[in-house]
Amino acid sequence: PPHEPGPPGPGKRDDSLWFLLGIIALLAGIVLRAWGITDHFDHLLDSAFQEALALGHLSVPLSESRGLAVVGEWDGDLLLHAAHPPLLQLLYAGLYALVGAHEWVSRGVSLFAGLGTALLLGAIMHRLHSLRAAACAVVFFSLMPLAVFYGRTTNYEPVALFLVTLFFWAYLRTRGGGMRGLPLMLLAVVVGGLWEWTV
């Protein structure tokens, strides 16, 4: 008679449990970051400064602002915000033009960036170590109070962290002489430079 496969060994069961733990932690992290996603910008670190700059793009043509955020006007000249790269405000402005200016739009960008960072950290640890290490990385990042608190801000940091993590994950794909990760490394560098200087 044909051999019937037996029950999964303890190793496979352990892997399944760790994978399930990672998924649960990831979902819990999403809920924690999404809590109050529609609240007004009146919390700590929620000054709506980036959103105000983004709204300026909707009233001043890019040909006049040269892609930089407008903070005001002085003696007939535009005052441009050049202390940071312009991509954050341009992204918010584009989203506002599509779905309207709402708090959840800006916070949604940070939410997806945090989700992407957690998944990339899991992929990095799985590649370097094991599924158990990947699950631990996802659990810690998803539920760590510091990451949850600052992951809800609509400033540069959540997406900047995602881009740094993307670069490292892409770099691991080039180890051993492969070039599969090089395009993603270049993309992370270019987008990161347009997003925030520190990337």
Protein backbone atom coordinates (compact mmCIF):
# COMPACT_ATOMS: atom_id res chain seq x y z
CA PRO A 1 0.00 0.00 0.00
CA PRO A 2 1.17 3.58 -0.64
CA HIS A 3 2.88 5.24 2.28
CA GLU A 4 0.61 7.68 4.08
CA PRO A 5 2.23 10.81 5.45
CA GLY A 6 2.27 10.92 9.21
CA PRO A 7 1.42 13.86 11.42
CA PRO A 8 3.72 16.86 11.19
CA GLY A 9 6.77 16.67 13.42
CA PRO A 10 7.29 18.92 16.43
CA GLY A 11 9.54 21.23 14.43
CA LYS A 12 6.86 22.00 11.87
CA ARG A 13 4.25 22.50 14.60
CA ASP A 14 6.57 24.91 16.40
CA ASP A 15 7.13 26.84 13.16
CA SER A 16 3.38 27.08 12.62
CA LEU A 17 2.84 28.38 16.15
CA TRP A 18 5.59 30.99 15.79
CA PHE A 19 4.18 32.06 12.41
CA LEU A 20 0.72 32.40 13.98
CA LEU A 21 2.18 34.42 16.86
CA GLY A 22 3.83 36.79 14.38
CA ILE A 23 0.57 37.27 12.46
CA ILE A 24 -1.38 37.97 15.66
CA ALA A 25 1.24 40.50 16.82
CA LEU A 26 1.21 42.15 13.39
CA LEU A 27 -2.57 42.53 13.49
CA ALA A 28 -2.41 43.86 17.05
CA GLY A 29 0.24 46.38 15.98
CA ILE A 30 -2.00 47.56 13.15
CA VAL A 31 -4.91 48.04 15.57
CA LEU A 32 -2.73 49.96 18.04
CA ARG A 33 -1.38 52.25 15.32
CA ALA A 34 -4.82 52.76 13.79
CA TRP A 35 -6.38 53.69 17.14
CA GLY A 36 -7.64 57.26 16.82
CA ILE A 37 -6.67 57.44 13.15
CA THR A 38 -9.51 59.93 12.51
CA ASP A 39 -8.85 62.11 15.58
CA HIS A 40 -8.05 65.77 15.09
CA PHE A 41 -4.42 66.85 15.13
CA ASP A 42 -4.30 67.93 18.76
CA HIS A 43 -2.12 65.23 20.31
CA LEU A 44 1.55 65.22 21.17
CA LEU A 45 3.63 65.26 17.97
CA ASP A 46 0.46 65.90 15.93
CA SER A 47 0.88 69.58 15.08
CA ALA A 48 -0.42 69.24 11.48
CA PHE A 49 2.66 71.13 10.28
CA GLN A 50 3.40 68.74 7.41
CA GLU A 51 -0.27 68.68 6.47
CA ALA A 52 -0.42 72.48 6.36
CA LEU A 53 2.61 72.50 4.06
CA ALA A 54 0.99 69.85 1.89
CA LEU A 55 -2.19 71.90 1.55
CA GLY A 56 -0.06 74.75 0.24
CA HIS A 57 0.80 72.62 -2.79
CA LEU A 58 -2.88 72.52 -3.69
CA SER A 59 -3.08 76.31 -3.90
CA VAL A 60 0.33 77.19 -5.42
CA PRO A 61 1.31 75.73 -8.82
CA LEU A 62 4.44 73.55 -8.84
CA SER A 63 5.90 75.84 -11.50
CA GLU A 64 5.96 78.62 -8.90
CA SER A 65 6.92 76.59 -5.83
CA ARG A 66 9.46 74.42 -7.71
CA GLY A 67 8.15 71.47 -5.73
CA LEU A 68 9.00 72.99 -2.35
CA ALA A 69 6.40 73.68 0.31
CA VAL A 70 5.21 77.27 0.61
CA VAL A 71 5.08 78.63 4.16
CA GLY A 72 3.95 82.15 3.30
CA GLU A 73 4.57 85.22 1.21
CA TRP A 74 6.77 88.23 1.85
CA ASP A 75 6.79 91.37 -0.25
CA GLY A 76 5.32 89.53 -3.21
CA ASP A 77 7.78 86.60 -3.01
CA LEU A 78 6.96 83.07 -1.90
CA LEU A 79 8.64 81.84 1.28
CA LEU A 80 9.70 78.26 0.62
CA HIS A 81 10.33 75.53 3.19
CA ALA A 82 13.71 74.09 2.15
CA ALA A 83 14.80 72.63 5.49
CA HIS A 84 13.70 69.14 4.41
CA PRO A 85 13.25 67.30 1.11
CA PRO A 86 9.81 67.82 -0.46
CA LEU A 87 8.52 64.30 -1.08
CA LEU A 88 6.50 63.93 2.14
CA GLN A 89 4.43 67.05 1.52
CA LEU A 90 4.07 66.23 -2.19
CA LEU A 91 2.75 62.76 -1.34
CA TYR A 92 0.27 64.17 1.16
CA ALA A 93 -0.83 66.81 -1.34
CA GLY A 94 -1.41 64.16 -4.00
CA LEU A 95 -3.45 62.03 -1.61
CA TYR A 96 -5.46 65.05 -0.46
CA ALA A 97 -6.23 65.88 -4.08
CA LEU A 98 -7.50 62.32 -4.60
CA VAL A 99 -9.52 61.63 -1.45
CA GLY A 100 -9.65 64.93 0.42
CA ALA A 101 -7.68 66.38 3.33
CA HIS A 102 -8.40 64.14 6.31
CA GLU A 103 -6.37 63.10 9.33
CA TRP A 104 -6.68 59.41 8.43
CA VAL A 105 -5.02 60.02 5.07
CA SER A 106 -1.77 61.23 6.62
CA ARG A 107 -1.86 58.68 9.41
CA GLY A 108 -2.61 55.94 6.88
CA VAL A 109 0.75 56.57 5.22
CA SER A 110 2.50 56.02 8.56
CA LEU A 111 0.36 52.96 9.24
CA PHE A 112 1.32 51.28 5.97
CA ALA A 113 4.96 52.23 6.47
CA GLY A 114 4.94 50.56 9.89
CA LEU A 115 3.29 47.45 8.46
CA GLY A 116 5.90 47.29 5.70
CA THR A 117 8.74 47.73 8.20
CA ALA A 118 7.44 44.90 10.38
CA LEU A 119 7.17 42.56 7.38
CA LEU A 120 10.64 43.49 6.15
CA LEU A 121 12.15 42.93 9.60
CA GLY A 122 10.53 39.51 9.64
CA ALA A 123 11.90 38.73 6.18
CA ILE A 124 15.39 39.87 7.21
CA MET A 125 15.42 37.73 10.34
CA HIS A 126 14.03 34.74 8.46
CA ARG A 127 16.78 35.05 5.88
CA LEU A 128 19.53 35.46 8.48
CA HIS A 129 18.27 33.07 11.17
CA SER A 130 14.94 31.25 11.34
CA LEU A 131 11.18 31.55 11.28
CA ARG A 132 11.21 31.79 15.07
CA ALA A 133 13.61 34.75 14.93
CA ALA A 134 11.43 36.35 12.25
CA ALA A 135 8.32 35.98 14.42
CA CYS A 136 10.15 37.48 17.42
CA ALA A 137 11.23 40.48 15.33
CA VAL A 138 7.66 41.06 14.15
CA VAL A 139 6.30 40.70 17.69
CA PHE A 140 8.81 43.12 19.21
CA PHE A 141 8.46 45.77 16.49
CA SER A 142 4.67 45.52 16.29
CA LEU A 143 4.10 45.79 20.04
CA MET A 144 7.06 47.84 21.28
CA PRO A 145 5.54 50.96 22.90
CA LEU A 146 8.10 53.32 21.38
CA ALA A 147 7.50 51.99 17.86
CA VAL A 148 3.71 52.12 18.33
CA PHE A 149 3.74 55.67 19.72
CA TYR A 150 6.06 57.21 17.14
CA GLY A 151 4.65 55.01 14.39
CA ARG A 152 1.44 57.02 14.55
CA THR A 153 3.13 60.34 13.79
CA THR A 154 2.72 61.88 10.37
CA ASN A 155 6.26 63.22 10.23
CA TYR A 156 9.21 61.77 8.31
CA GLU A 157 10.24 58.97 10.65
CA PRO A 158 7.85 56.06 9.89
CA VAL A 159 8.51 56.07 6.15
CA ALA A 160 12.22 56.82 6.66
CA LEU A 161 12.53 53.72 8.85
CA PHE A 162 10.72 51.67 6.21
CA LEU A 163 13.15 52.85 3.51
CA VAL A 164 16.22 52.05 5.63
CA THR A 165 14.83 48.57 6.34
CA LEU A 166 14.02 48.09 2.65
CA PHE A 167 17.61 48.99 1.75
CA PHE A 168 19.03 46.43 4.21
CA TRP A 169 16.65 43.70 3.01
CA ALA A 170 17.59 44.43 -0.61
CA TYR A 171 21.27 44.36 0.34
CA LEU A 172 20.88 40.86 1.76
CA ARG A 173 19.50 39.77 -1.61
CA THR A 174 22.77 40.81 -3.27
CA ARG A 175 24.96 38.73 -0.96
CA GLY A 176 26.72 35.89 -2.70
CA GLY A 177 27.21 37.82 -5.91
CA GLY A 178 23.56 38.20 -6.88
CA MET A 179 22.22 41.48 -8.25
CA ARG A 180 18.52 40.93 -7.54
CA GLY A 181 18.41 43.47 -4.74
CA LEU A 182 20.36 46.24 -6.46
CA PRO A 183 17.36 48.00 -8.08
CA LEU A 184 15.55 48.09 -4.72
CA MET A 185 18.69 49.42 -3.01
CA LEU A 186 18.90 52.24 -5.54
CA LEU A 187 15.17 52.94 -5.21
CA ALA A 188 15.45 53.14 -1.42
CA VAL A 189 18.38 55.56 -1.67
CA VAL A 190 16.72 57.85 -4.22
CA VAL A 191 13.31 57.91 -2.52
CA GLY A 192 14.98 58.22 0.89
CA GLY A 193 16.99 61.22 -0.26
CA LEU A 194 13.82 62.90 -1.47
CA TRP A 195 12.02 61.97 1.74
CA GLU A 196 14.43 62.91 4.51
CA TRP A 197 18.12 63.88 4.66
CA THR A 198 18.97 61.34 7.35
CA VAL A 199 18.00 58.39 5.12
